[in-house]
């Protein structure tokens, strides 16, 4: 255990009587998508063509990557640029909002570096206990 106290979250602003009213749900919804944070991270150094992006990510189907990029474009997180060339060329790059998402993504990566092994071990232990009691 670290001797350093965990950072305290700031007091949330009141957004109504129901959790559904809270705009922070948008942020959690972004991270609930398996590929969105990965795409943001991969685009951190600049625009990429979808095929190159798919190769760098690995494990994502063309269909899923296309759906993710379209969703991100609709959320103004990426910008799609078409070039009038033969054959046609398309690149995706982060918007300001997309680049700003790197802050929590990198913070989550730091958290995983610090606590990921312990969390994974606890999950394995819980799964083993559940298997013994079944």
Protein backbone atom coordinates (compact mmCIF):
# COMPACT_ATOMS: atom_id res chain seq x y z
CA UNK A 1 0.00 0.00 0.00
CA UNK A 2 1.22 3.49 -0.79
CA UNK A 3 1.57 5.93 2.09
CA UNK A 4 0.44 8.70 -0.21
CA UNK A 5 -3.31 9.43 0.08
CA UNK A 6 -5.41 8.96 -3.03
CA UNK A 7 -6.39 12.19 -4.78
CA UNK A 8 -9.83 13.41 -3.79
CA UNK A 9 -12.29 14.06 -6.58
CA UNK A 10 -13.72 17.54 -6.75
CA UNK A 11 -17.30 18.03 -5.66
CA UNK A 12 -19.57 17.29 -8.64
CA UNK A 13 -21.93 19.96 -9.86
CA UNK A 14 -25.63 19.24 -9.34
CA UNK A 15 -27.26 18.16 -12.59
CA UNK A 16 -30.67 17.13 -11.40
CA UNK A 17 -32.19 14.37 -9.39
CA UNK A 18 -31.25 11.55 -11.74
CA UNK A 19 -27.86 10.18 -12.65
CA UNK A 20 -28.95 10.19 -16.29
CA UNK A 21 -28.85 13.99 -16.13
CA UNK A 22 -25.14 14.06 -15.41
CA UNK A 23 -22.98 15.06 -18.41
CA UNK A 24 -20.10 12.99 -16.99
CA UNK A 25 -21.91 9.97 -18.45
CA UNK A 26 -20.67 11.09 -21.85
CA UNK A 27 -17.10 10.61 -20.65
CA UNK A 28 -17.77 7.15 -19.27
CA UNK A 29 -19.60 6.20 -22.47
CA UNK A 30 -16.50 7.16 -24.48
CA UNK A 31 -14.37 4.76 -22.44
CA UNK A 32 -17.02 2.03 -22.55
CA UNK A 33 -16.32 1.67 -26.28
CA UNK A 34 -13.52 -0.87 -26.63
CA UNK A 35 -11.84 0.74 -29.64
CA UNK A 36 -12.40 4.48 -29.23
CA UNK A 37 -9.60 5.12 -26.69
CA UNK A 38 -7.26 2.89 -28.73
CA UNK A 39 -7.95 4.87 -31.91
CA UNK A 40 -7.41 8.17 -30.10
CA UNK A 41 -4.11 6.91 -28.74
CA UNK A 42 -2.96 5.64 -32.14
CA UNK A 43 -3.79 8.97 -33.81
CA UNK A 44 -1.78 10.93 -31.19
CA UNK A 45 1.13 11.58 -33.59
CA UNK A 46 -0.99 12.74 -36.50
CA UNK A 47 -3.45 11.68 -39.20
CA UNK A 48 -3.44 8.14 -40.54
CA UNK A 49 -5.10 6.18 -43.30
CA UNK A 50 -7.64 3.62 -42.06
CA UNK A 51 -5.64 0.65 -43.38
CA UNK A 52 -2.47 1.80 -41.62
CA UNK A 53 -4.45 2.47 -38.46
CA UNK A 54 -5.93 -1.04 -38.55
CA UNK A 55 -2.48 -2.63 -38.93
CA UNK A 56 -1.02 -0.59 -36.05
CA UNK A 57 -3.93 -1.40 -33.75
CA UNK A 58 -4.12 -5.11 -34.56
CA UNK A 59 -7.08 -7.30 -33.65
CA UNK A 60 -9.75 -4.92 -34.95
CA UNK A 61 -11.87 -5.80 -37.98
CA UNK A 62 -12.25 -3.36 -40.84
CA UNK A 63 -15.98 -3.16 -40.11
CA UNK A 64 -15.44 -2.31 -36.42
CA UNK A 65 -12.75 0.26 -37.21
CA UNK A 66 -15.02 1.92 -39.78
CA UNK A 67 -17.91 2.02 -37.29
CA UNK A 68 -15.64 3.47 -34.60
CA UNK A 69 -14.20 6.13 -36.91
CA UNK A 70 -17.68 7.13 -38.11
CA UNK A 71 -18.92 7.34 -34.53
CA UNK A 72 -15.89 9.43 -33.58
CA UNK A 73 -16.42 11.69 -36.59
CA UNK A 74 -20.05 12.19 -35.53
CA UNK A 75 -18.82 13.15 -32.07
CA UNK A 76 -16.30 15.64 -33.51
CA UNK A 77 -13.36 13.66 -32.09
CA UNK A 78 -11.77 12.97 -35.47
CA UNK A 79 -11.76 14.74 -38.78
CA UNK A 80 -11.94 12.81 -42.04
CA UNK A 81 -9.96 14.22 -44.94
CA UNK A 82 -10.49 13.04 -48.48
CA UNK A 83 -7.84 13.71 -51.07
CA UNK A 84 -8.76 14.04 -54.75
CA UNK A 85 -6.28 11.46 -55.97
CA UNK A 86 -6.42 8.29 -57.99
CA UNK A 87 -6.91 6.01 -56.16
CA UNK A 88 -8.82 8.05 -53.58
CA UNK A 89 -7.08 8.54 -50.25
CA UNK A 90 -8.69 9.16 -46.87
CA UNK A 91 -7.01 10.07 -43.58
CA UNK A 92 -8.35 10.54 -40.08
CA UNK A 93 -6.86 12.95 -37.58
CA UNK A 94 -7.79 14.08 -34.10
CA UNK A 95 -9.71 17.28 -33.54
CA UNK A 96 -8.97 19.47 -30.53
CA UNK A 97 -11.56 17.51 -28.52
CA UNK A 98 -9.97 14.24 -29.63
CA UNK A 99 -6.48 15.43 -28.67
CA UNK A 100 -7.80 16.51 -25.27
CA UNK A 101 -9.00 12.92 -24.70
CA UNK A 102 -5.33 11.90 -24.58
CA UNK A 103 -5.14 13.41 -21.07
CA UNK A 104 -7.48 10.88 -19.39
CA UNK A 105 -6.25 8.05 -21.65
CA UNK A 106 -2.64 8.64 -20.58
CA UNK A 107 -3.77 9.02 -16.94
CA UNK A 108 -5.54 5.66 -17.18
CA UNK A 109 -2.35 4.16 -18.59
CA UNK A 110 -0.42 5.52 -15.59
CA UNK A 111 -3.01 4.01 -13.24
CA UNK A 112 -2.67 0.63 -14.98
CA UNK A 113 1.13 0.83 -14.66
CA UNK A 114 0.74 1.39 -10.92
CA UNK A 115 -2.16 -0.95 -10.11
CA UNK A 116 -2.81 -3.25 -13.09
CA UNK A 117 -0.79 -6.21 -11.82
CA UNK A 118 -2.48 -6.13 -8.41
CA UNK A 119 -5.95 -5.84 -9.96
CA UNK A 120 -5.24 -8.69 -12.39
CA UNK A 121 -3.94 -10.88 -9.53
CA UNK A 122 -7.04 -10.13 -7.45
CA UNK A 123 -9.28 -10.99 -10.41
CA UNK A 124 -7.42 -14.29 -10.94
CA UNK A 125 -7.73 -15.11 -7.24
CA UNK A 126 -11.46 -14.33 -7.22
CA UNK A 127 -11.97 -16.47 -10.32
CA UNK A 128 -10.04 -19.36 -8.72
CA UNK A 129 -12.15 -19.09 -5.55
CA UNK A 130 -15.33 -19.07 -7.61
CA UNK A 131 -14.12 -22.18 -9.49
CA UNK A 132 -13.41 -24.02 -6.23
CA UNK A 133 -16.82 -23.27 -4.81
CA UNK A 134 -18.74 -24.31 -7.91
